[in-house]
């Protein structure tokens, strides 16, 4: 940027980036008017391991809804479909999503996708975030269900 050079904006929201740029221009302009818009969201990196047909790291392009500037985040089910679906040994009652919680910590979200499959309860199909890792464990004992 002219006058102020490069600014580190990583991790800031659009409003935070706007404020940081405005503050950088205050020594040069009386009333800096800055507008920051998201042209296109970056691709999202997720990992999926365990009982899926094609485990690995995946890059998911985020859908951008131009009408209200919202981003359509992918869900766990969509990621499983991207990885070729589950194997016949998958324990869909104990799916884990490991998510970065800040300050080097991570949290584990446990999902029972069997409830989603049998009742249609979409609360068990959470949206994913950058860097999420999904693990589909192996079922210890198989039942006809």
Protein backbone atom coordinates (compact mmCIF):
# COMPACT_ATOMS: atom_id res chain seq x y z
CA UNK A 1 0.00 0.00 0.00
CA UNK A 2 1.32 3.43 -0.83
CA UNK A 3 2.72 5.38 2.13
CA UNK A 4 2.41 2.67 4.81
CA UNK A 5 3.85 -0.34 2.98
CA UNK A 6 2.92 -3.90 3.95
CA UNK A 7 0.63 -4.59 6.89
CA UNK A 8 0.14 -7.93 8.64
CA UNK A 9 -3.60 -8.65 8.51
CA UNK A 10 -3.57 -12.43 8.99
CA UNK A 11 -6.27 -13.62 11.37
CA UNK A 12 -8.23 -10.36 11.35
CA UNK A 13 -11.86 -10.04 10.42
CA UNK A 14 -12.83 -7.67 7.62
CA UNK A 15 -13.72 -4.97 10.15
CA UNK A 16 -10.46 -5.58 12.03
CA UNK A 17 -8.47 -5.28 8.80
CA UNK A 18 -10.34 -2.07 7.94
CA UNK A 19 -9.49 -0.61 11.34
CA UNK A 20 -5.81 -1.65 11.11
CA UNK A 21 -5.41 -0.05 7.67
CA UNK A 22 -7.22 3.12 8.80
CA UNK A 23 -4.94 3.39 11.83
CA UNK A 24 -1.85 2.96 9.64
CA UNK A 25 -2.94 5.87 7.42
CA UNK A 26 -3.79 8.29 10.26
CA UNK A 27 -0.29 9.88 10.26
CA UNK A 28 -0.71 10.66 6.54
CA UNK A 29 -4.42 11.46 6.13
CA UNK A 30 -6.80 13.52 8.26
CA UNK A 31 -9.72 11.15 7.88
CA UNK A 32 -8.77 7.90 6.18
CA UNK A 33 -11.79 6.17 4.66
CA UNK A 34 -10.98 2.51 4.11
CA UNK A 35 -13.22 -0.24 2.79
CA UNK A 36 -12.14 -3.88 2.81
CA UNK A 37 -14.16 -6.46 0.89
CA UNK A 38 -13.66 -10.19 0.50
CA UNK A 39 -13.36 -10.89 -3.20
CA UNK A 40 -13.25 -14.69 -2.85
CA UNK A 41 -12.84 -16.91 0.20
CA UNK A 42 -9.70 -19.05 0.22
CA UNK A 43 -9.93 -22.78 -0.16
CA UNK A 44 -10.33 -24.72 3.06
CA UNK A 45 -7.91 -27.49 4.07
CA UNK A 46 -9.30 -30.44 6.03
CA UNK A 47 -8.08 -33.93 6.78
CA UNK A 48 -10.11 -37.11 6.95
CA UNK A 49 -8.79 -40.41 8.26
CA UNK A 50 -10.00 -43.81 9.36
CA UNK A 51 -12.74 -45.86 7.78
CA UNK A 52 -13.31 -43.90 4.58
CA UNK A 53 -12.55 -45.13 1.07
CA UNK A 54 -10.01 -42.39 0.25
CA UNK A 55 -8.47 -40.95 3.45
CA UNK A 56 -6.20 -37.94 3.15
CA UNK A 57 -6.01 -34.17 3.02
CA UNK A 58 -8.59 -32.32 0.97
CA UNK A 59 -8.96 -28.78 -0.26
CA UNK A 60 -12.56 -27.59 -0.40
CA UNK A 61 -13.54 -24.48 -2.32
CA UNK A 62 -15.99 -22.43 -0.28
CA UNK A 63 -19.19 -21.31 -1.94
CA UNK A 64 -19.72 -17.55 -1.78
CA UNK A 65 -23.30 -16.31 -1.83
CA UNK A 66 -23.05 -12.90 -3.50
CA UNK A 67 -26.50 -11.81 -2.37
CA UNK A 68 -25.65 -11.38 1.31
CA UNK A 69 -21.86 -11.95 1.45
CA UNK A 70 -22.13 -15.19 3.42
CA UNK A 71 -19.98 -18.26 2.96
CA UNK A 72 -21.47 -21.75 2.74
CA UNK A 73 -19.28 -23.87 5.03
CA UNK A 74 -19.01 -27.58 4.15
CA UNK A 75 -20.33 -30.19 6.60
CA UNK A 76 -18.92 -33.46 7.94
CA UNK A 77 -21.20 -35.47 5.63
CA UNK A 78 -19.98 -33.50 2.60
CA UNK A 79 -16.36 -34.20 3.60
CA UNK A 80 -17.10 -37.91 3.97
CA UNK A 81 -18.66 -37.92 0.48
CA UNK A 82 -15.56 -36.17 -0.85
CA UNK A 83 -13.43 -38.97 0.66
CA UNK A 84 -15.43 -41.61 -1.21
CA UNK A 85 -17.84 -42.48 1.61
CA UNK A 86 -17.40 -44.76 4.60
CA UNK A 87 -16.27 -48.37 4.58
CA UNK A 88 -18.44 -51.21 5.91
CA UNK A 89 -16.31 -51.28 9.08
CA UNK A 90 -16.93 -47.63 10.04
CA UNK A 91 -18.29 -46.75 13.46
CA UNK A 92 -20.51 -43.80 12.54
CA UNK A 93 -21.65 -43.50 16.17
CA UNK A 94 -18.22 -42.25 17.30
CA UNK A 95 -17.02 -39.82 14.62
CA UNK A 96 -14.51 -37.27 15.89
CA UNK A 97 -13.74 -33.81 14.56
CA UNK A 98 -10.53 -32.28 15.92
CA UNK A 99 -10.61 -28.49 15.73
CA UNK A 100 -8.02 -25.88 16.63
CA UNK A 101 -9.30 -23.87 19.59
CA UNK A 102 -6.58 -21.22 19.69
CA UNK A 103 -3.33 -20.81 21.64
CA UNK A 104 -2.08 -24.18 20.35
CA UNK A 105 -5.01 -26.04 21.90
CA UNK A 106 -7.44 -28.28 20.08
CA UNK A 107 -10.88 -29.56 20.93
CA UNK A 108 -12.52 -32.82 19.94
CA UNK A 109 -16.15 -32.77 18.86
CA UNK A 110 -17.80 -36.20 18.98
CA UNK A 111 -20.64 -36.89 16.57
CA UNK A 112 -23.18 -39.66 16.28
CA UNK A 113 -23.91 -39.76 12.56
CA UNK A 114 -26.10 -42.82 13.07
CA UNK A 115 -28.71 -40.46 14.58
CA UNK A 116 -28.51 -38.33 11.45
CA UNK A 117 -28.97 -41.37 9.21
CA UNK A 118 -31.89 -42.84 11.15
CA UNK A 119 -33.78 -39.73 12.30
CA UNK A 120 -32.63 -37.00 9.94
CA UNK A 121 -31.45 -34.88 12.90
CA UNK A 122 -28.96 -32.53 11.22
CA UNK A 123 -27.52 -31.34 14.58
CA UNK A 124 -25.02 -34.19 14.19
CA UNK A 125 -23.75 -32.84 10.85
CA UNK A 126 -21.70 -29.83 11.95
CA UNK A 127 -20.05 -27.34 9.62
CA UNK A 128 -16.29 -27.59 9.21
CA UNK A 129 -13.65 -24.90 9.71
CA UNK A 130 -10.12 -24.40 8.38
CA UNK A 131 -7.78 -27.12 9.56
CA UNK A 132 -10.41 -29.51 10.94
CA UNK A 133 -9.44 -33.18 11.02
CA UNK A 134 -12.14 -35.87 10.86
CA UNK A 135 -11.58 -39.38 12.13
CA UNK A 136 -13.99 -42.23 11.38
CA UNK A 137 -13.05 -45.05 13.79
CA UNK A 138 -13.31 -48.77 13.14
CA UNK A 139 -16.32 -50.47 14.70
CA UNK A 140 -15.26 -52.93 17.41
CA UNK A 141 -18.31 -55.13 17.09
CA UNK A 142 -20.58 -55.13 14.07
CA UNK A 143 -24.30 -55.46 14.45
CA UNK A 144 -27.03 -55.82 11.82
CA UNK A 145 -27.83 -52.13 12.37
